[in-house]
Each structure stands twice: as structure tokens, then as C-alpha cells.
Amino acid sequence: MTWTLPAVISSPHGQVTILDPIVEDNGTTILFQVNAITATGTMTYAFTSDGNPGSIATDTIPDTGEVTLALTLDYETAQSHVFKIV
């Protein structure tokens, strides 16, 4: 599946917002943001055991749902990446 950025993928359980990567002032790159809907309003996020290929993203996902880049992406090495979050 290919998206035109920015893209929002929604389901009854939440949504994923995919933006052009954002480089913050501190040098952190935000790859995408996960937003979930819950009855309590609180949500925690984690990668599945195989959900962070090559540890491309930081190991933990904060309450904001922002998934940040831990390594430099190399298109010649891998043209796409699949992240799995629970």
C-alpha cells in the first residue's frame, strides 16, 4: 500500500498518522504517530517482538505515540519497513 503524505489510517480502535518525517530541534526524527481510542482515555504502546525491524526506531514508544528514528535509513539496503505495534 502506498500513501500520499500526510496520511491518516483509521479504524474503530484508533488511527495512525503518517507524516513526512519531522526533524525536531534536538535532532530527533519522528517517523509517524499512533493515536488510539480507548474507553479510559489512556493508552500505552509497544512494538511486537518482530515489530521494529533492525531496531530502526527507538525501543520505546511514549504516551504521545510518536515513533522516532534510532538509525539512519538506507534505501539501498531496505526499500521498505514494517512496524508492528500493540
Foldseek 3Di string as FASTA:
>chain_A
DDDDPQDWADDQFWIKTAHDWDQDPVRKTFGTFTGTDDPVRFDAKAWDPPFQPPVQWPHGADRRRTTIGPDDDDCVVPVDHGGHMD
